[in-house]
Amino acid sequence: MLKVEALTCGYDSKFLLQDISFEIRDGELLGVIGPNGSGKTTLLKAITKVLKSQKGRIVFDGKEISQMGFKELAQKVAFVPQFSIAGVNMTVEEFVLLGRIPHRRQFQFLETEGDEQAAKQAMALAGVLQLRERSLSELSGGERQLATIARALAQEPRLLLLDEPTAHLDIGHQVKILDLVKKLNHENGLTIIVVLHDLNLASLYCDTLILLKEGKIHSIGTPEEILSYPVIEEVYETPVVVKTNPVVSKPLICLVPEDILKANRHSLNRTAKC
């Protein structure tokens, strides 16, 4: 579906991404992880043409995105930003209907019955249909994020990009958001790329991970292959203990405060099971 080949891009003369190459297949759930400033958001901006590539190319369904207009690309790729919109004076339904703009015909100023049905279905999928008449300004952060996902789903994309969708949310909403992402992937067949800071969430929900370091791909693989303590310590420069999650047999990363590390340096079991 999506192939990134030798991509180099950034801002002004600073190239944050250098020689990035990977491929995502139909129906895959790909997680992008890495320290702050490693280029995670920059990668999503390049895929959506918000940021122009300096070198390399990005190919979607056999066609370079540089040869696609923004409207054509938006009919196939939807983006959920890191920060949900707050304080906007419109209802959830009005907000979600904005996702239909890429499908509007020339000189179409009002939503069609098809637009309204697509928005209704998107709100139902995201679990916000009961909030359709509520103002965005009245919603919690988690509800606004779900509404933002619904707007993206209203685009009827084949590829969904999410930039840290669980940022600043409590653990209940984090699980709710990523359960929805997993459902959209497994039950609806939506191909998804999600940027995550929380390594344990990435371990639990993603099929494949790309680990970025200083604008380059450090490694690509399954959570079991990527999330080992030597790799995490090399990239994040912080000590961790990696165990096995007793519920799903996925890597479970435990942080180690410096004083505990010093007191237990010789006896600390770095890979023991829970």
Protein backbone atom coordinates (compact mmCIF):
# COMPACT_ATOMS: atom_id res chain seq x y z
CA MET A 1 0.00 0.00 0.00
CA LEU A 2 2.52 2.61 1.16
CA LYS A 3 6.21 2.55 0.32
CA VAL A 4 8.72 5.09 1.61
CA GLU A 5 12.02 5.02 -0.25
CA ALA A 6 15.18 6.84 0.86
CA LEU A 7 13.16 9.75 2.25
CA THR A 8 15.02 12.84 3.43
CA CYS A 9 13.03 15.85 4.64
CA GLY A 10 12.87 18.48 7.35
CA TYR A 11 12.44 22.18 7.99
CA ASP A 12 14.41 24.85 6.13
CA SER A 13 17.99 23.56 5.92
CA LYS A 14 17.63 21.13 8.86
CA PHE A 15 16.87 17.60 7.75
CA LEU A 16 15.19 15.74 10.58
CA LEU A 17 14.60 12.58 8.56
CA GLN A 18 17.45 11.02 6.62
CA ASP A 19 17.31 8.06 4.25
CA ILE A 20 14.05 6.60 5.63
CA SER A 21 12.82 3.45 3.87
CA PHE A 22 9.98 1.12 4.87
CA GLU A 23 6.77 -0.41 3.53
CA ILE A 24 3.35 -0.92 5.10
CA ARG A 25 0.95 -3.50 3.70
CA ASP A 26 -2.84 -3.45 3.53
CA GLY A 27 -4.39 -4.17 6.92
CA GLU A 28 -1.22 -3.62 8.95
CA LEU A 29 -1.03 -1.71 12.25
CA LEU A 30 2.35 0.01 12.38
CA GLY A 31 3.65 1.88 15.41
CA VAL A 32 6.31 4.60 15.21
CA ILE A 33 8.33 5.14 18.39
CA GLY A 34 11.44 7.07 19.37
CA PRO A 35 12.68 9.86 21.64
CA ASN A 36 11.50 13.46 21.38
CA GLY A 37 12.90 15.10 18.28
CA SER A 38 13.61 11.83 16.48
CA GLY A 39 11.29 12.70 13.56
CA LYS A 40 8.06 10.83 14.31
CA THR A 41 5.66 13.70 13.57
CA THR A 42 7.84 14.83 10.69
CA LEU A 43 7.34 11.43 9.06
CA LEU A 44 3.54 11.76 9.21
CA LYS A 45 3.75 15.29 7.78
CA ALA A 46 5.79 13.96 4.87
CA ILE A 47 3.24 11.23 4.15
CA THR A 48 0.41 13.79 4.09
CA LYS A 49 2.41 16.24 1.91
CA VAL A 50 2.36 18.90 4.63
CA LEU A 51 6.13 18.68 4.45
CA LYS A 52 7.89 18.41 1.10
CA SER A 53 10.46 15.68 0.60
CA GLN A 54 13.97 16.82 -0.24
CA LYS A 55 15.10 13.42 -1.48
CA GLY A 56 13.53 10.03 -2.02
CA ARG A 57 9.88 9.31 -2.68
CA ILE A 58 6.65 8.17 -1.05
CA VAL A 59 4.43 5.86 -3.09
CA PHE A 60 0.78 5.13 -2.30
CA ASP A 61 -0.92 2.36 -4.29
CA GLY A 62 1.77 2.56 -6.96
CA LYS A 63 1.55 6.35 -7.39
CA GLU A 64 3.98 8.90 -5.98
CA ILE A 65 2.20 11.27 -3.63
CA SER A 66 4.12 14.15 -5.18
CA GLN A 67 1.98 13.52 -8.28
CA MET A 68 -1.26 13.53 -6.28
CA GLY A 69 -3.30 16.61 -5.39
CA PHE A 70 -4.17 17.31 -1.77
CA LYS A 71 -7.83 16.47 -2.41
CA GLU A 72 -7.01 13.13 -4.03
CA LEU A 73 -4.64 12.24 -1.20
CA ALA A 74 -7.17 13.29 1.46
CA GLN A 75 -9.72 10.89 -0.03
CA LYS A 76 -7.34 8.03 0.75
CA VAL A 77 -5.26 9.15 3.75
CA ALA A 78 -6.64 10.74 6.94
CA PHE A 79 -4.61 12.35 9.71
CA VAL A 80 -5.45 12.73 13.41
CA PRO A 81 -3.18 15.37 15.00
CA GLN A 82 -1.61 15.14 18.43
CA PHE A 83 -3.69 17.89 20.03
CA SER A 84 -7.46 17.73 19.73
CA ILE A 85 -9.28 20.95 18.91
CA ALA A 86 -10.71 22.75 21.95
CA GLY A 87 -12.90 25.80 22.24
CA VAL A 88 -14.40 25.50 18.75
CA ASN A 89 -17.99 26.72 18.59
CA MET A 90 -19.54 23.88 16.59
CA THR A 91 -21.30 20.63 17.35
CA VAL A 92 -19.65 17.25 17.13
CA GLU A 93 -21.71 16.44 14.03
CA GLU A 94 -20.72 19.69 12.30
CA PHE A 95 -17.08 18.98 13.15
CA VAL A 96 -17.20 15.40 11.84
CA LEU A 97 -18.87 16.56 8.62
CA LEU A 98 -15.70 18.55 7.87
CA GLY A 99 -14.17 15.19 7.05
CA ARG A 100 -16.39 15.04 3.97
CA ILE A 101 -14.78 18.10 2.35
CA PRO A 102 -12.32 16.04 0.21
CA HIS A 103 -15.32 14.27 -1.35
CA ARG A 104 -17.27 17.40 -2.24
CA ARG A 105 -17.93 18.13 -5.88
CA GLN A 106 -17.14 21.48 -7.42
CA PHE A 107 -19.62 24.17 -6.31
CA GLN A 108 -21.12 21.84 -3.69
CA PHE A 109 -21.83 23.97 -0.62
CA LEU A 110 -24.17 21.73 1.37
CA GLU A 111 -23.79 18.19 2.67
CA THR A 112 -25.51 15.47 0.73
CA GLU A 113 -27.46 12.59 2.23
CA GLY A 114 -24.38 10.44 1.54
CA ASP A 115 -22.20 12.87 3.50
CA GLU A 116 -24.56 12.79 6.45
CA GLN A 117 -24.70 9.00 6.40
CA ALA A 118 -20.89 8.73 6.25
CA ALA A 119 -20.57 11.13 9.20
CA LYS A 120 -23.18 9.21 11.19
CA GLN A 121 -21.38 5.93 10.55
CA ALA A 122 -18.03 7.49 11.53
CA MET A 123 -19.48 8.83 14.80
CA ALA A 124 -20.95 5.42 15.56
CA LEU A 125 -17.60 3.71 14.94
CA ALA A 126 -15.81 6.20 17.20
CA GLY A 127 -18.46 5.93 19.91
CA VAL A 128 -19.54 9.60 19.82
CA LEU A 129 -22.89 9.33 18.05
CA GLN A 130 -24.67 10.13 21.31
CA LEU A 131 -22.63 13.36 21.48
CA ARG A 132 -23.53 14.55 17.98
CA GLU A 133 -25.46 17.63 19.18
CA ARG A 134 -22.98 18.58 21.91
CA SER A 135 -20.55 21.47 21.42
CA LEU A 136 -16.89 20.55 21.14
CA SER A 137 -16.14 23.06 23.88
CA GLU A 138 -18.24 21.02 26.30
CA LEU A 139 -16.36 17.77 25.77
CA SER A 140 -13.53 16.25 27.76
CA GLY A 141 -10.13 15.76 26.18
CA GLY A 142 -10.83 12.10 25.54
CA GLU A 143 -14.20 12.83 23.94
CA ARG A 144 -12.66 15.49 21.69
CA GLN A 145 -10.02 13.01 20.58
CA LEU A 146 -12.71 10.48 19.70
CA ALA A 147 -14.56 13.18 17.75
CA THR A 148 -11.34 13.98 15.89
CA ILE A 149 -10.94 10.32 14.98
CA ALA A 150 -14.57 10.30 13.81
CA ARG A 151 -13.83 13.27 11.54
CA ALA A 152 -10.91 11.34 10.04
CA LEU A 153 -13.10 8.26 9.54
CA ALA A 154 -15.68 10.40 7.74
CA GLN A 155 -13.07 10.85 5.02
CA GLU A 156 -13.46 7.12 4.36
CA PRO A 157 -9.68 6.67 4.13
CA ARG A 158 -7.73 3.53 3.35
CA LEU A 159 -4.84 4.69 5.52
CA LEU A 160 -5.25 6.35 8.92
CA LEU A 161 -2.39 8.27 10.53
CA LEU A 162 -2.51 9.14 14.23
CA ASP A 163 0.03 11.34 15.98
CA GLU A 164 0.19 10.44 19.69
CA PRO A 165 -3.59 9.99 20.03
CA THR A 166 -3.28 9.14 23.74
CA ALA A 167 -1.20 12.19 24.74
CA HIS A 168 -2.43 13.94 27.92
CA LEU A 169 -5.23 11.40 28.45
CA ASP A 170 -5.87 9.31 31.55
CA ILE A 171 -5.29 5.56 31.35
CA GLY A 172 -8.99 4.85 30.84
CA HIS A 173 -9.17 7.02 27.74
CA GLN A 174 -5.79 5.76 26.52
CA VAL A 175 -7.12 2.21 26.47
CA LYS A 176 -10.43 3.33 24.94
CA ILE A 177 -8.67 5.18 22.12
CA LEU A 178 -6.29 2.33 21.30
CA ASP A 179 -8.99 -0.31 21.62
CA LEU A 180 -10.85 1.69 18.95
CA VAL A 181 -7.70 1.84 16.80
CA LYS A 182 -7.26 -1.92 17.11
CA LYS A 183 -10.93 -2.53 16.28
CA LEU A 184 -10.72 -0.31 13.18
CA ASN A 185 -7.69 -2.30 12.09
CA HIS A 186 -8.87 -5.84 12.89
CA GLU A 187 -12.60 -5.60 12.19
CA ASN A 188 -12.78 -2.85 9.56
CA GLY A 189 -9.52 -3.67 7.76
CA LEU A 190 -8.21 -0.12 8.06
CA THR A 191 -4.46 0.24 7.60
CA ILE A 192 -3.02 2.37 10.41
CA ILE A 193 0.22 4.14 11.32
CA VAL A 194 0.25 5.43 14.89
CA VAL A 195 2.93 7.46 16.65
CA LEU A 196 3.22 6.55 20.33
CA HIS A 197 5.42 7.71 23.19
CA ASP A 198 4.33 5.03 25.63
CA LEU A 199 6.38 1.93 24.82
CA ASN A 200 4.05 -0.37 26.74
CA LEU A 201 1.06 0.79 24.70
CA ALA A 202 3.09 0.31 21.52
CA SER A 203 3.98 -3.19 22.68
CA LEU A 204 0.36 -4.10 23.42
CA TYR A 205 -1.34 -2.74 20.31
CA CYS A 206 1.07 -2.69 17.36
CA ASP A 207 1.92 -5.51 14.95
CA THR A 208 5.15 -3.88 13.81
CA LEU A 209 7.29 -1.08 15.21
CA ILE A 210 9.64 1.42 13.60
CA LEU A 211 12.13 2.83 16.09
CA LEU A 212 13.57 6.21 15.11
CA LYS A 213 16.72 7.76 16.52
CA GLU A 214 18.00 11.19 15.46
CA GLY A 215 16.04 11.16 12.22
CA LYS A 216 17.09 7.70 11.11
CA ILE A 217 15.55 4.27 11.40
CA HIS A 218 17.32 2.42 14.19
CA SER A 219 15.33 -0.79 13.74
CA ILE A 220 12.10 -2.28 12.38
CA GLY A 221 10.42 -5.39 13.74
CA THR A 222 7.85 -6.88 16.07
CA PRO A 223 7.54 -5.54 19.63
CA GLU A 224 9.39 -8.64 20.82
CA GLU A 225 12.28 -7.87 18.46
CA ILE A 226 12.47 -4.12 19.13
CA LEU A 227 11.67 -3.70 22.81
CA SER A 228 14.68 -5.28 24.48
CA TYR A 229 16.47 -3.48 27.27
CA PRO A 230 19.79 -3.04 25.39
CA VAL A 231 17.98 -1.39 22.45
CA ILE A 232 15.83 0.86 24.66
CA GLU A 233 18.80 1.96 26.75
CA GLU A 234 20.85 2.70 23.63
CA VAL A 235 18.14 4.82 22.02
CA TYR A 236 16.49 6.46 25.03
CA GLU A 237 19.62 6.61 27.22
CA THR A 238 17.79 5.50 30.33
CA PRO A 239 17.92 2.23 32.30
CA VAL A 240 14.93 -0.10 32.07
CA VAL A 241 13.90 -3.60 32.99
CA VAL A 242 12.03 -5.53 30.29
CA LYS A 243 9.77 -8.32 31.48
CA THR A 244 7.01 -10.33 29.87
CA ASN A 245 3.47 -9.08 30.31
CA PRO A 246 1.67 -11.93 32.13
CA VAL A 247 -1.61 -11.28 30.29
CA VAL A 248 -0.59 -11.08 26.63
CA SER A 249 3.06 -12.27 26.56
CA LYS A 250 4.26 -8.95 25.17
CA PRO A 251 7.30 -6.97 26.36
CA LEU A 252 6.59 -4.94 29.49
CA ILE A 253 8.98 -2.03 30.07
CA CYS A 254 9.65 -0.99 33.66
CA LEU A 255 11.49 2.25 34.41
CA VAL A 256 14.31 2.14 36.95
CA PRO A 257 15.00 5.26 39.06
CA GLU A 258 18.68 6.08 39.41
CA ASP A 259 18.87 5.45 43.17
CA ILE A 260 17.33 1.99 42.80
CA LEU A 261 19.67 1.18 39.93
CA LYS A 262 22.71 2.12 42.01
CA ALA A 263 21.54 0.08 44.99
CA ASN A 264 20.71 -2.99 42.89
CA ARG A 265 23.10 -2.74 39.96
CA HIS A 266 24.59 -6.21 40.45
CA SER A 267 21.42 -8.05 41.43
CA LEU A 268 18.87 -6.47 39.07
CA ASN A 269 17.28 -9.05 36.78
CA ARG A 270 16.79 -7.19 33.47
CA THR A 271 14.58 -9.72 31.66
CA ALA A 272 12.73 -11.70 34.35
CA LYS A 273 9.09 -12.65 33.82
CA CYS A 274 6.42 -11.06 36.01
